Amino acid sequence: MASAAVACAVALVAAVVWAAARPAAGTDGTGAAHRAHTTASPAHRWTPTPTPVSGKGLLTLRSAPNVFYLPRYSPYDVAPYVPDYDIALAASNASPGGGAGAVGKVEVDLDLAAFEGKAEIRHVRKDYGCVRTGFHVRCAPGDVRFGGFTEFVPFSLLPRPNSASGPAGVIRMTVRAANAPAVHHTTRLIVGMPYLTLRQDNTKLTGVRPGDAMRLTPAFGNKGDTGVDGGISVVVRAQSATLPLRYANCRYDKAVGATQAQCDFPGPLPAGAAYETDGPVTALADRTARSGLVQYSVWRTVDMSYLSRLPESAPRGTGAPLRLRPVDGGAFTGDEADRSEVASGGRLSFETTQVDDVAAVGFTIKGKVGRTADLTVPYPKGDGWPGPGGRGTLWVTLPPGVSLVEVPPEEHESDIPYCYPSPKKDGTVACPGPAPAGTGLRVRIDKRVEGARGSVRVTSDSALDPNQANNTAPVTVEYLP
């Protein structure tokens, strides 16, 4: 982005990666996570049960590249990374609220003439009915039931030498079906590849008080040989924290209590350039948080995952716009498997002052009167339990009408401890832990007592855990017929 772009507004979008595909023009997506693409990876296909083709259907192109970057040939790279041309199609009934059915005989035609002289088509997906004739590929993924989808990568490529960098034509795709209107899509082909990178922050804050503000400054760059003409989107996601609606050019997933934000930088992002935002993304620790995470990823806006994109109608911030300033991106890194699409890894983790606040977790005993019941006693929340040595005991006062059934060691697996009568001789039950498999409790429901209520109590170091009020929780009974 040139200096003029530095003054451009940024729309900061929250979302984080893991499992995504590219969005088709004009589609909106919500959620988070990008999908790691590999040409050899299996396709995603959801058609659980054969459904008769009936009624008029509708196909929606969830994902197909709007811009496809073909890396330049390198004699030293025997298997150069080439992005996936990922296609995701969703089927629905053309009449909202209509019955079950399917879009039948789906066929995908791809005109790949733009690759001629620039790349070799190496493989096609035969399991999706893909066949190749020259630089034309036709696939027959079959029927897609209403409410279902099909997603696959129809072909793979190998760059050829001596291809000139820059715009190289268009890829044309047409999708037809027996009972749905045709879908058309065009992809711009560019020889050369951006390599999105970001500053791999891995900051950890401790002693954060509930409600405290934490600040993270996104930074990103391009270490590829080709610039990004369109915009760049920064996606932010918070766990156990919320994002105030601060910046006018950022969209948020909720008007109150947002945990996701999306900011769109207008671009361009030239090769070799790097920027950071001129203000931080602020997150407020939840009132009940013990630990949490704020992280961000960077996408090419036009091919941002449909799972991560926030709709245009999403709430926007009320303050001044977020802008960019140039920085040194020499130490920035990216995702090798998705280098032209997304970079992820910027993160700020935190622990609050409540991390050692031990809180007992109540539970319900369910069973029939006159019968025994087995359950696993839930362990407390908080890092203050168990204490030194990794041992701890829960003290359970059983509700009236319920009695303990002792379980001798020979009657259960050795790695599963069971509760036993307290050595304090005070009528409570001692439940040792923690154990990987949990601590078992066997009781007999002797009689029905309306409103029967007991308790579970945990001890903790009051110097580390001054809030002792939540160290006790209720134990109730649910009588089954």
Protein backbone atom coordinates (compact mmCIF):
# COMPACT_ATOMS: atom_id res chain seq x y z
CA MET A 1 0.00 0.00 0.00
CA ALA A 2 1.46 3.30 -1.00
CA SER A 3 1.61 6.25 1.38
CA ALA A 4 -1.81 7.27 0.19
CA ALA A 5 -3.11 3.94 1.33
CA VAL A 6 -1.59 4.46 4.74
CA ALA A 7 -4.14 7.16 5.26
CA CYS A 8 -6.89 4.88 4.08
CA ALA A 9 -9.36 3.52 6.53
CA VAL A 10 -9.22 -0.03 7.74
CA ALA A 11 -12.13 -2.22 8.43
CA LEU A 12 -11.11 -4.70 11.08
CA VAL A 13 -12.96 -7.99 10.90
CA ALA A 14 -12.90 -10.52 13.61
CA ALA A 15 -12.43 -14.06 12.81
CA VAL A 16 -9.78 -16.63 13.07
CA VAL A 17 -8.68 -19.30 11.09
CA TRP A 18 -8.91 -22.81 10.84
CA ALA A 19 -11.08 -24.45 8.16
CA ALA A 20 -12.08 -22.16 5.41
CA ALA A 21 -12.66 -21.86 1.74
CA ARG A 22 -12.73 -18.87 -0.53
CA PRO A 23 -15.95 -16.89 -0.96
CA ALA A 24 -17.61 -16.31 -4.28
CA ALA A 25 -18.31 -12.74 -5.27
CA GLY A 26 -21.37 -11.38 -3.60
CA THR A 27 -21.60 -14.10 -0.93
CA ASP A 28 -21.52 -13.52 2.78
CA GLY A 29 -20.32 -15.93 5.41
CA THR A 30 -20.13 -15.99 9.15
CA GLY A 31 -18.17 -17.97 11.63
CA ALA A 32 -14.45 -18.46 11.85
CA ALA A 33 -11.50 -20.45 10.78
CA HIS A 34 -9.79 -21.14 7.54
CA ARG A 35 -9.23 -24.53 5.97
CA ALA A 36 -5.69 -25.70 5.33
CA HIS A 37 -5.58 -26.51 1.62
CA THR A 38 -3.55 -29.27 0.05
CA THR A 39 -4.16 -30.55 -3.42
CA ALA A 40 -4.12 -34.13 -2.21
CA SER A 41 -6.51 -33.55 0.68
CA PRO A 42 -9.92 -35.23 0.48
CA ALA A 43 -12.88 -33.16 -0.64
CA HIS A 44 -15.74 -32.27 1.63
CA ARG A 45 -18.98 -33.73 0.42
CA TRP A 46 -22.21 -33.85 2.38
CA THR A 47 -25.02 -35.86 0.84
CA PRO A 48 -25.97 -38.16 3.74
CA THR A 49 -28.90 -40.02 2.19
CA PRO A 50 -30.06 -40.30 -1.40
CA THR A 51 -33.04 -37.99 -1.88
CA PRO A 52 -35.31 -38.07 -4.92
CA VAL A 53 -34.89 -35.11 -7.25
CA SER A 54 -38.15 -33.24 -7.02
CA GLY A 55 -39.28 -29.64 -7.41
CA LYS A 56 -37.19 -26.70 -8.44
CA GLY A 57 -33.90 -26.23 -6.68
CA LEU A 58 -31.32 -23.50 -6.26
CA LEU A 59 -27.55 -23.77 -6.33
CA THR A 60 -25.42 -21.25 -4.44
CA LEU A 61 -21.72 -20.87 -5.09
CA ARG A 62 -20.36 -20.70 -1.56
CA SER A 63 -16.75 -20.64 -2.61
CA ALA A 64 -14.61 -20.27 -5.74
CA PRO A 65 -11.54 -18.07 -6.21
CA ASN A 66 -12.18 -14.56 -7.45
CA VAL A 67 -8.45 -14.10 -8.08
CA PHE A 68 -6.15 -17.05 -8.72
CA TYR A 69 -2.40 -16.51 -8.25
CA LEU A 70 -0.18 -18.93 -10.18
CA PRO A 71 3.35 -19.04 -8.76
CA ARG A 72 6.16 -18.55 -11.24
CA TYR A 73 8.15 -21.61 -12.24
CA SER A 74 11.38 -22.30 -10.34
CA PRO A 75 13.81 -25.00 -11.52
CA TYR A 76 14.85 -25.49 -7.89
CA ASP A 77 11.31 -26.15 -6.68
CA VAL A 78 10.26 -29.56 -7.96
CA ALA A 79 6.82 -29.31 -6.37
CA PRO A 80 5.99 -25.61 -6.16
CA TYR A 81 3.05 -24.58 -4.02
CA VAL A 82 0.01 -23.83 -6.14
CA PRO A 83 -3.21 -22.69 -4.46
CA ASP A 84 -6.25 -24.94 -4.65
CA TYR A 85 -9.05 -23.98 -6.99
CA ASP A 86 -11.62 -24.90 -4.38
CA ILE A 87 -15.31 -25.06 -5.31
CA ALA A 88 -18.12 -25.24 -2.75
CA LEU A 89 -21.75 -25.54 -3.90
CA ALA A 90 -24.80 -25.47 -1.64
CA ALA A 91 -28.26 -26.68 -2.66
CA SER A 92 -31.65 -25.48 -1.44
CA ASN A 93 -35.32 -25.63 -2.38
CA ALA A 94 -36.22 -22.75 -4.70
CA SER A 95 -39.40 -22.30 -2.65
CA PRO A 96 -38.56 -21.27 0.92
CA GLY A 97 -40.13 -23.70 3.35
CA GLY A 98 -40.57 -26.28 0.60
CA GLY A 99 -40.17 -29.99 1.13
CA ALA A 100 -37.22 -32.34 0.83
CA GLY A 101 -35.55 -32.97 -2.46
CA ALA A 102 -32.28 -32.46 -4.26
CA VAL A 103 -30.63 -30.54 -7.03
CA GLY A 104 -29.99 -33.28 -9.55
CA LYS A 105 -27.29 -34.05 -12.08
CA VAL A 106 -24.97 -31.22 -11.10
CA GLU A 107 -22.23 -30.60 -13.68
CA VAL A 108 -19.33 -28.14 -13.45
CA ASP A 109 -17.64 -26.92 -16.66
CA LEU A 110 -14.29 -25.15 -16.36
CA ASP A 111 -12.68 -23.25 -19.25
CA LEU A 112 -8.99 -23.25 -18.29
CA ALA A 113 -7.58 -21.91 -21.55
CA ALA A 114 -5.90 -19.08 -19.64
CA PHE A 115 -3.43 -21.64 -18.22
CA GLU A 116 -2.18 -22.68 -21.67
CA GLY A 117 1.56 -22.08 -21.91
CA LYS A 118 1.66 -21.09 -18.24
CA ALA A 119 0.78 -24.27 -16.36
CA GLU A 120 0.27 -27.98 -16.87
CA ILE A 121 -2.93 -29.59 -15.61
CA ARG A 122 -1.54 -32.55 -13.71
CA HIS A 123 -4.51 -34.30 -12.10
CA VAL A 124 -8.29 -34.13 -12.07
CA ARG A 125 -10.67 -35.42 -9.39
CA LYS A 126 -12.02 -38.62 -10.91
CA ASP A 127 -14.02 -39.41 -7.76
CA TYR A 128 -16.08 -36.31 -8.58
CA GLY A 129 -16.52 -37.35 -12.17
CA CYS A 130 -13.91 -34.90 -13.47
CA VAL A 131 -12.52 -35.48 -16.96
CA ARG A 132 -10.14 -33.31 -18.98
CA THR A 133 -10.01 -32.45 -22.65
CA GLY A 134 -7.09 -30.15 -23.32
CA PHE A 135 -7.65 -27.11 -21.11
CA HIS A 136 -11.28 -27.89 -20.47
CA VAL A 137 -12.37 -29.81 -17.35
CA ARG A 138 -15.87 -31.12 -16.73
CA CYS A 139 -16.93 -32.57 -13.37
CA ALA A 140 -20.11 -34.41 -12.43
CA PRO A 141 -20.42 -34.35 -8.62
CA GLY A 142 -23.97 -35.72 -8.93
CA ASP A 143 -27.04 -34.87 -6.86
CA VAL A 144 -26.87 -32.50 -3.89
CA ARG A 145 -29.79 -32.69 -1.48
CA PHE A 146 -31.58 -29.56 -0.31
CA GLY A 147 -29.75 -28.24 2.71
CA GLY A 148 -26.56 -30.07 1.73
CA PHE A 149 -23.38 -29.05 -0.04
CA THR A 150 -20.50 -30.43 -2.04
CA GLU A 151 -16.94 -29.09 -1.96
CA PHE A 152 -13.96 -30.28 -3.98
CA VAL A 153 -10.78 -29.27 -5.82
CA PRO A 154 -11.31 -30.33 -9.45
CA PHE A 155 -7.72 -30.13 -10.72
CA SER A 156 -4.10 -29.51 -9.75
CA LEU A 157 -1.44 -27.54 -11.60
CA LEU A 158 2.29 -27.39 -12.25
CA PRO A 159 3.69 -24.02 -13.41
CA ARG A 160 5.64 -23.94 -16.69
CA PRO A 161 8.86 -21.97 -17.22
CA ASN A 162 9.14 -18.54 -18.83
CA SER A 163 5.67 -17.26 -17.94
CA ALA A 164 5.50 -13.50 -17.75
CA SER A 165 4.26 -12.16 -14.45
CA GLY A 166 1.07 -10.16 -14.23
CA PRO A 167 -2.57 -10.53 -15.37
CA ALA A 168 -2.97 -13.58 -17.62
CA GLY A 169 -6.65 -13.86 -18.53
CA VAL A 170 -9.68 -15.36 -16.88
CA ILE A 171 -10.98 -18.77 -15.82
CA ARG A 172 -14.63 -19.31 -16.62
CA MET A 173 -16.87 -21.71 -14.74
CA THR A 174 -20.46 -22.73 -15.46
CA VAL A 175 -22.50 -24.95 -13.14
CA ARG A 176 -25.63 -26.63 -14.52
CA ALA A 177 -28.20 -28.96 -13.01
CA ALA A 178 -31.39 -30.75 -14.02
CA ASN A 179 -33.72 -28.66 -11.88
CA ALA A 180 -31.83 -25.48 -10.93
CA PRO A 181 -30.74 -22.33 -12.80
CA ALA A 182 -27.18 -22.26 -14.12
CA VAL A 183 -24.48 -20.54 -12.05
CA HIS A 184 -21.65 -18.62 -13.75
CA HIS A 185 -18.40 -17.47 -12.20
CA THR A 186 -15.25 -15.78 -13.52
CA THR A 187 -11.82 -15.87 -11.88
CA ARG A 188 -8.99 -13.49 -12.75
CA LEU A 189 -5.67 -15.29 -13.35
CA ILE A 190 -2.45 -13.59 -12.27
CA VAL A 191 1.03 -15.09 -12.74
CA GLY A 192 3.07 -14.45 -9.61
CA MET A 193 2.11 -14.78 -5.99
CA PRO A 194 1.78 -12.64 -2.89
CA TYR A 195 2.93 -14.16 0.38
CA LEU A 196 0.90 -12.78 3.25
CA THR A 197 2.74 -12.52 6.56
CA LEU A 198 2.07 -11.07 9.98
CA ARG A 199 3.87 -10.24 13.17
CA GLN A 200 3.80 -13.42 15.22
CA ASP A 201 2.91 -11.85 18.55
CA ASN A 202 2.80 -14.40 21.32
CA THR A 203 2.33 -12.15 24.32
CA LYS A 204 1.03 -13.49 27.62
CA LEU A 205 -0.45 -11.21 30.25
CA THR A 206 -0.94 -12.26 33.87
CA GLY A 207 -2.75 -10.58 36.72
CA VAL A 208 -5.46 -9.18 34.43
CA ARG A 209 -8.48 -8.07 36.43
CA PRO A 210 -11.97 -8.91 35.18
CA GLY A 211 -13.09 -6.06 32.94
CA ASP A 212 -9.55 -4.84 32.26
CA ALA A 213 -8.67 -3.64 28.77
CA MET A 214 -6.03 -5.56 26.79
CA ARG A 215 -4.49 -4.18 23.60
CA LEU A 216 -3.17 -5.93 20.51
CA THR A 217 -1.79 -4.10 17.46
CA PRO A 218 -2.17 -6.13 14.23
CA ALA A 219 0.70 -5.94 11.74
CA PHE A 220 1.05 -7.64 8.35
CA GLY A 221 3.10 -7.65 5.17
CA ASN A 222 3.70 -9.25 1.78
CA LYS A 223 6.91 -11.22 1.16
CA GLY A 224 5.78 -12.52 -2.22
CA ASP A 225 6.84 -11.41 -5.71
CA THR A 226 3.44 -9.95 -6.60
CA GLY A 227 1.32 -7.27 -4.97
CA VAL A 228 -2.28 -7.61 -3.79
CA ASP A 229 -4.45 -5.29 -5.89
CA GLY A 230 -7.58 -5.64 -3.78
CA GLY A 231 -8.05 -5.05 -0.09
CA ILE A 232 -6.63 -6.80 2.93
CA SER A 233 -8.85 -7.84 5.84
CA VAL A 234 -7.71 -8.32 9.41
CA VAL A 235 -9.89 -10.72 11.35
CA VAL A 236 -9.85 -10.64 15.15
CA ARG A 237 -11.41 -13.10 17.55
CA ALA A 238 -11.58 -13.00 21.34
CA GLN A 239 -12.15 -15.85 23.79
CA SER A 240 -13.27 -15.02 27.34
CA ALA A 241 -13.20 -11.36 26.33
CA THR A 242 -15.30 -8.92 24.31
CA LEU A 243 -14.45 -6.33 21.67
CA PRO A 244 -15.82 -2.78 22.09
CA LEU A 245 -17.31 -1.34 18.88
CA ARG A 246 -14.60 1.27 18.56
CA TYR A 247 -13.58 1.83 14.93
CA ALA A 248 -16.00 3.18 12.32
CA ASN A 249 -14.46 1.07 9.57
CA CYS A 250 -14.66 -2.22 11.49
CA ARG A 251 -17.61 -4.60 11.51
CA TYR A 252 -18.47 -6.65 14.59
CA ASP A 253 -20.47 -9.84 15.03
CA LYS A 254 -22.71 -8.37 17.75
CA ALA A 255 -23.74 -4.90 18.85
CA VAL A 256 -23.12 -5.87 22.50
CA GLY A 257 -20.56 -8.42 23.69
CA ALA A 258 -18.83 -8.80 20.32
CA THR A 259 -16.16 -11.52 20.11
CA GLN A 260 -15.35 -11.08 16.42
CA ALA A 261 -14.37 -8.07 14.31
CA GLN A 262 -13.41 -7.52 10.67
CA CYS A 263 -11.40 -4.61 9.28
CA ASP A 264 -10.88 -4.15 5.54
CA PHE A 265 -7.79 -2.28 4.32
CA PRO A 266 -8.37 -0.84 0.85
CA GLY A 267 -4.94 -1.76 -0.55
CA PRO A 268 -2.93 -2.20 -2.61
CA LEU A 269 -0.38 -4.24 -0.66
CA PRO A 270 2.78 -4.19 -2.79
CA ALA A 271 5.37 -6.95 -2.65
CA GLY A 272 7.85 -6.14 0.11
CA ALA A 273 5.52 -3.78 2.01
CA ALA A 274 4.47 -4.13 5.64
CA TYR A 275 2.09 -2.14 7.86
CA GLU A 276 0.62 -2.05 11.33
CA THR A 277 -2.57 -0.41 12.51
CA ASP A 278 -2.16 3.07 13.97
CA GLY A 279 -4.23 2.07 16.99
CA PRO A 280 -4.73 -1.12 18.98
CA VAL A 281 -7.58 -3.58 18.94
CA THR A 282 -8.96 -3.49 22.48
CA ALA A 283 -10.50 -6.45 24.27
CA LEU A 284 -12.13 -6.43 27.71
CA ALA A 285 -11.64 -9.48 29.93
CA ASP A 286 -14.94 -11.14 30.87
CA ARG A 287 -16.11 -10.72 34.45
CA THR A 288 -15.90 -14.47 35.03
CA ALA A 289 -12.77 -15.13 32.95
CA ARG A 290 -9.87 -17.04 34.39
CA SER A 291 -7.86 -17.12 31.18
CA GLY A 292 -8.46 -16.25 27.55
CA LEU A 293 -7.10 -15.35 24.15
CA VAL A 294 -7.22 -12.55 21.57
CA GLN A 295 -5.88 -13.46 18.13
CA TYR A 296 -5.92 -12.18 14.58
CA SER A 297 -5.41 -13.34 11.01
CA VAL A 298 -4.92 -11.52 7.71
CA TRP A 299 -6.78 -12.28 4.47
CA ARG A 300 -7.03 -11.08 0.91
CA THR A 301 -10.46 -9.46 1.11
CA VAL A 302 -11.88 -10.71 -2.20
CA ASP A 303 -11.09 -14.33 -1.36
CA MET A 304 -11.72 -14.31 2.34
CA SER A 305 -13.25 -17.49 3.72
CA TYR A 306 -17.03 -17.52 3.54
CA LEU A 307 -16.87 -19.05 7.02
CA SER A 308 -15.03 -16.00 8.37
CA ARG A 309 -16.57 -13.08 6.52
CA LEU A 310 -18.98 -10.85 8.42
CA PRO A 311 -22.00 -9.56 6.49
CA GLU A 312 -22.17 -5.96 5.32
CA SER A 313 -25.11 -5.49 7.67
CA ALA A 314 -22.98 -6.30 10.74
CA PRO A 315 -22.71 -3.52 13.39
CA ARG A 316 -19.89 -1.01 12.93
CA GLY A 317 -17.85 0.93 15.43
CA THR A 318 -18.74 4.46 16.43
CA GLY A 319 -15.29 6.05 16.72
CA ALA A 320 -12.69 7.30 14.26
CA PRO A 321 -11.51 4.90 11.54
CA LEU A 322 -8.52 2.64 12.05
CA ARG A 323 -5.61 3.47 9.74
CA LEU A 324 -2.21 2.06 8.76
CA ARG A 325 1.42 3.06 9.13
CA PRO A 326 4.45 1.42 7.46
CA VAL A 327 6.75 -0.81 9.53
CA ASP A 328 9.66 -3.18 8.97
CA GLY A 329 8.16 -6.58 8.18
CA GLY A 330 11.43 -8.48 7.88
CA ALA A 331 10.63 -10.73 10.84
CA PHE A 332 7.01 -11.38 9.84
CA THR A 333 6.04 -14.93 8.88
CA GLY A 334 3.07 -16.59 7.18
CA ASP A 335 1.33 -19.89 6.51
CA GLU A 336 3.20 -22.00 3.96
CA ALA A 337 0.08 -23.95 2.95
CA ASP A 338 -2.04 -20.81 2.39
CA ARG A 339 0.57 -18.19 1.62
CA SER A 340 -1.40 -16.27 -1.01
CA GLU A 341 -4.69 -16.35 0.92
CA VAL A 342 -4.21 -15.96 4.66
CA ALA A 343 -1.65 -15.51 7.42
CA SER A 344 -2.45 -16.39 11.02
CA GLY A 345 -0.81 -16.64 14.40
CA GLY A 346 -0.90 -13.19 15.98
CA ARG A 347 -2.11 -13.75 19.52
CA LEU A 348 -2.31 -12.36 23.03
CA SER A 349 -3.14 -14.82 25.80
CA PHE A 350 -4.02 -13.76 29.31
CA GLU A 351 -4.65 -15.00 32.83
CA THR A 352 -6.81 -13.04 35.19
CA THR A 353 -6.55 -12.54 38.92
CA GLN A 354 -9.22 -15.24 39.14
CA VAL A 355 -7.00 -17.96 37.68
CA ASP A 356 -6.41 -19.29 41.22
CA ASP A 357 -10.00 -18.71 42.30
CA VAL A 358 -11.21 -22.20 43.13
CA ALA A 359 -14.95 -22.68 42.56
CA ALA A 360 -16.79 -25.87 43.44
CA VAL A 361 -19.08 -27.31 40.74
CA GLY A 362 -22.44 -28.57 41.91
CA PHE A 363 -24.09 -31.69 40.52
CA THR A 364 -27.35 -33.65 40.50
CA ILE A 365 -27.85 -37.27 41.59
CA LYS A 366 -30.34 -38.93 39.22
CA GLY A 367 -31.99 -42.26 39.92
CA LYS A 368 -34.98 -44.28 41.15
CA VAL A 369 -35.94 -44.67 44.79
CA GLY A 370 -34.59 -47.96 46.12
CA ARG A 371 -31.88 -48.18 43.45
CA THR A 372 -28.18 -47.34 43.34
CA ALA A 373 -26.79 -44.61 41.09
CA ASP A 374 -23.27 -44.07 39.80
CA LEU A 375 -21.89 -40.71 38.72
CA THR A 376 -18.64 -38.85 38.25
CA VAL A 377 -18.04 -36.02 40.69
CA PRO A 378 -17.13 -32.83 38.79
CA TYR A 379 -13.83 -31.25 39.71
CA PRO A 380 -13.62 -27.59 40.73
CA LYS A 381 -12.74 -24.71 38.43
CA GLY A 382 -9.57 -22.69 38.95
CA ASP A 383 -5.85 -23.38 38.97
CA GLY A 384 -5.69 -23.22 42.77
CA TRP A 385 -6.96 -26.80 42.99
CA PRO A 386 -5.47 -29.24 43.56
CA GLY A 387 -2.79 -27.79 45.81
CA PRO A 388 0.92 -28.65 46.00
CA GLY A 389 1.68 -32.22 45.01
CA GLY A 390 -1.26 -32.39 42.64
CA ARG A 391 -3.60 -33.95 45.20
CA GLY A 392 -6.93 -32.69 46.36
CA THR A 393 -10.10 -33.91 48.00
CA LEU A 394 -13.72 -32.87 47.59
CA TRP A 395 -15.99 -33.12 50.62
CA VAL A 396 -19.56 -34.10 49.79
CA THR A 397 -22.54 -33.84 52.12
CA LEU A 398 -25.16 -36.13 50.61
CA PRO A 399 -28.77 -34.91 50.41
CA PRO A 400 -31.26 -36.37 52.94
CA GLY A 401 -32.59 -39.74 51.79
CA VAL A 402 -29.35 -40.60 49.94
CA SER A 403 -26.61 -42.83 51.38
CA LEU A 404 -23.10 -43.73 50.25
CA VAL A 405 -22.35 -47.16 48.79
CA GLU A 406 -18.69 -47.99 49.28
CA VAL A 407 -16.91 -49.52 46.29
CA PRO A 408 -13.98 -51.80 47.24
CA PRO A 409 -10.83 -51.37 45.11
CA GLU A 410 -11.21 -54.86 43.64
CA GLU A 411 -14.58 -53.90 42.13
CA HIS A 412 -13.33 -51.12 39.86
CA GLU A 413 -10.40 -50.21 37.65
CA SER A 414 -7.35 -49.19 39.64
CA ASP A 415 -7.06 -45.78 37.94
CA ILE A 416 -10.60 -44.74 38.93
CA PRO A 417 -10.82 -43.56 42.55
CA TYR A 418 -14.18 -43.78 44.33
CA CYS A 419 -15.57 -41.68 47.14
CA TYR A 420 -15.41 -43.14 50.64
CA PRO A 421 -16.59 -42.18 54.17
CA SER A 422 -14.70 -39.17 55.45
CA PRO A 423 -12.02 -39.98 58.05
CA LYS A 424 -13.26 -36.87 59.88
CA LYS A 425 -16.26 -38.93 61.05
CA ASP A 426 -18.50 -35.92 60.42
CA GLY A 427 -20.94 -37.66 58.07
CA THR A 428 -19.40 -36.26 54.91
CA VAL A 429 -18.01 -38.23 51.97
CA ALA A 430 -14.38 -37.83 50.81
CA CYS A 431 -13.86 -37.80 47.05
CA PRO A 432 -10.13 -37.89 46.13
CA GLY A 433 -8.76 -36.45 42.92
CA PRO A 434 -7.93 -35.38 40.40
CA ALA A 435 -7.67 -38.51 38.30
CA PRO A 436 -7.66 -38.70 34.47
CA ALA A 437 -10.80 -40.83 34.45
CA GLY A 438 -12.55 -38.75 37.14
CA THR A 439 -13.68 -39.67 40.63
CA GLY A 440 -16.63 -42.03 40.96
CA LEU A 441 -19.47 -41.76 43.46
CA ARG A 442 -21.92 -44.61 44.10
CA VAL A 443 -25.00 -43.90 46.19
CA ARG A 444 -28.33 -45.44 47.07
CA ILE A 445 -31.51 -43.38 46.88
CA ASP A 446 -33.21 -44.72 50.01
CA LYS A 447 -36.33 -42.55 50.00
CA ARG A 448 -37.86 -39.54 48.33
CA VAL A 449 -37.35 -36.28 50.24
CA GLU A 450 -38.84 -33.25 48.54
CA GLY A 451 -36.34 -30.44 48.19
CA ALA A 452 -33.46 -32.70 49.30
CA ARG A 453 -30.22 -30.79 49.04
CA GLY A 454 -26.61 -31.48 49.95
CA SER A 455 -23.33 -29.79 49.09
CA VAL A 456 -19.87 -30.27 47.67
CA ARG A 457 -17.02 -28.32 49.22
CA VAL A 458 -13.42 -27.77 48.19
CA THR A 459 -10.59 -26.26 50.23
CA SER A 460 -8.04 -23.81 48.85
CA ASP A 461 -5.28 -21.51 50.06
CA SER A 462 -7.07 -18.35 51.16
CA ALA A 463 -3.90 -16.32 50.49
CA LEU A 464 -4.14 -17.20 46.79
CA ASP A 465 -7.91 -17.54 46.70
CA PRO A 466 -9.47 -14.79 48.79
CA ASN A 467 -12.94 -15.53 47.39
CA GLN A 468 -13.91 -18.50 49.54
CA ALA A 469 -17.66 -17.98 49.02
CA ASN A 470 -17.73 -20.08 45.83
CA ASN A 471 -15.84 -23.00 47.36
CA THR A 472 -19.17 -24.69 48.14
CA ALA A 473 -21.85 -25.67 45.59
CA PRO A 474 -25.20 -27.50 45.87
CA VAL A 475 -25.87 -31.19 45.35
CA THR A 476 -29.48 -32.00 44.39
CA VAL A 477 -31.55 -35.10 43.59
CA GLU A 478 -33.66 -35.84 40.53
CA TYR A 479 -36.02 -38.77 41.14
CA LEU A 480 -36.65 -40.86 38.04
CA PRO A 481 -39.98 -42.71 37.57
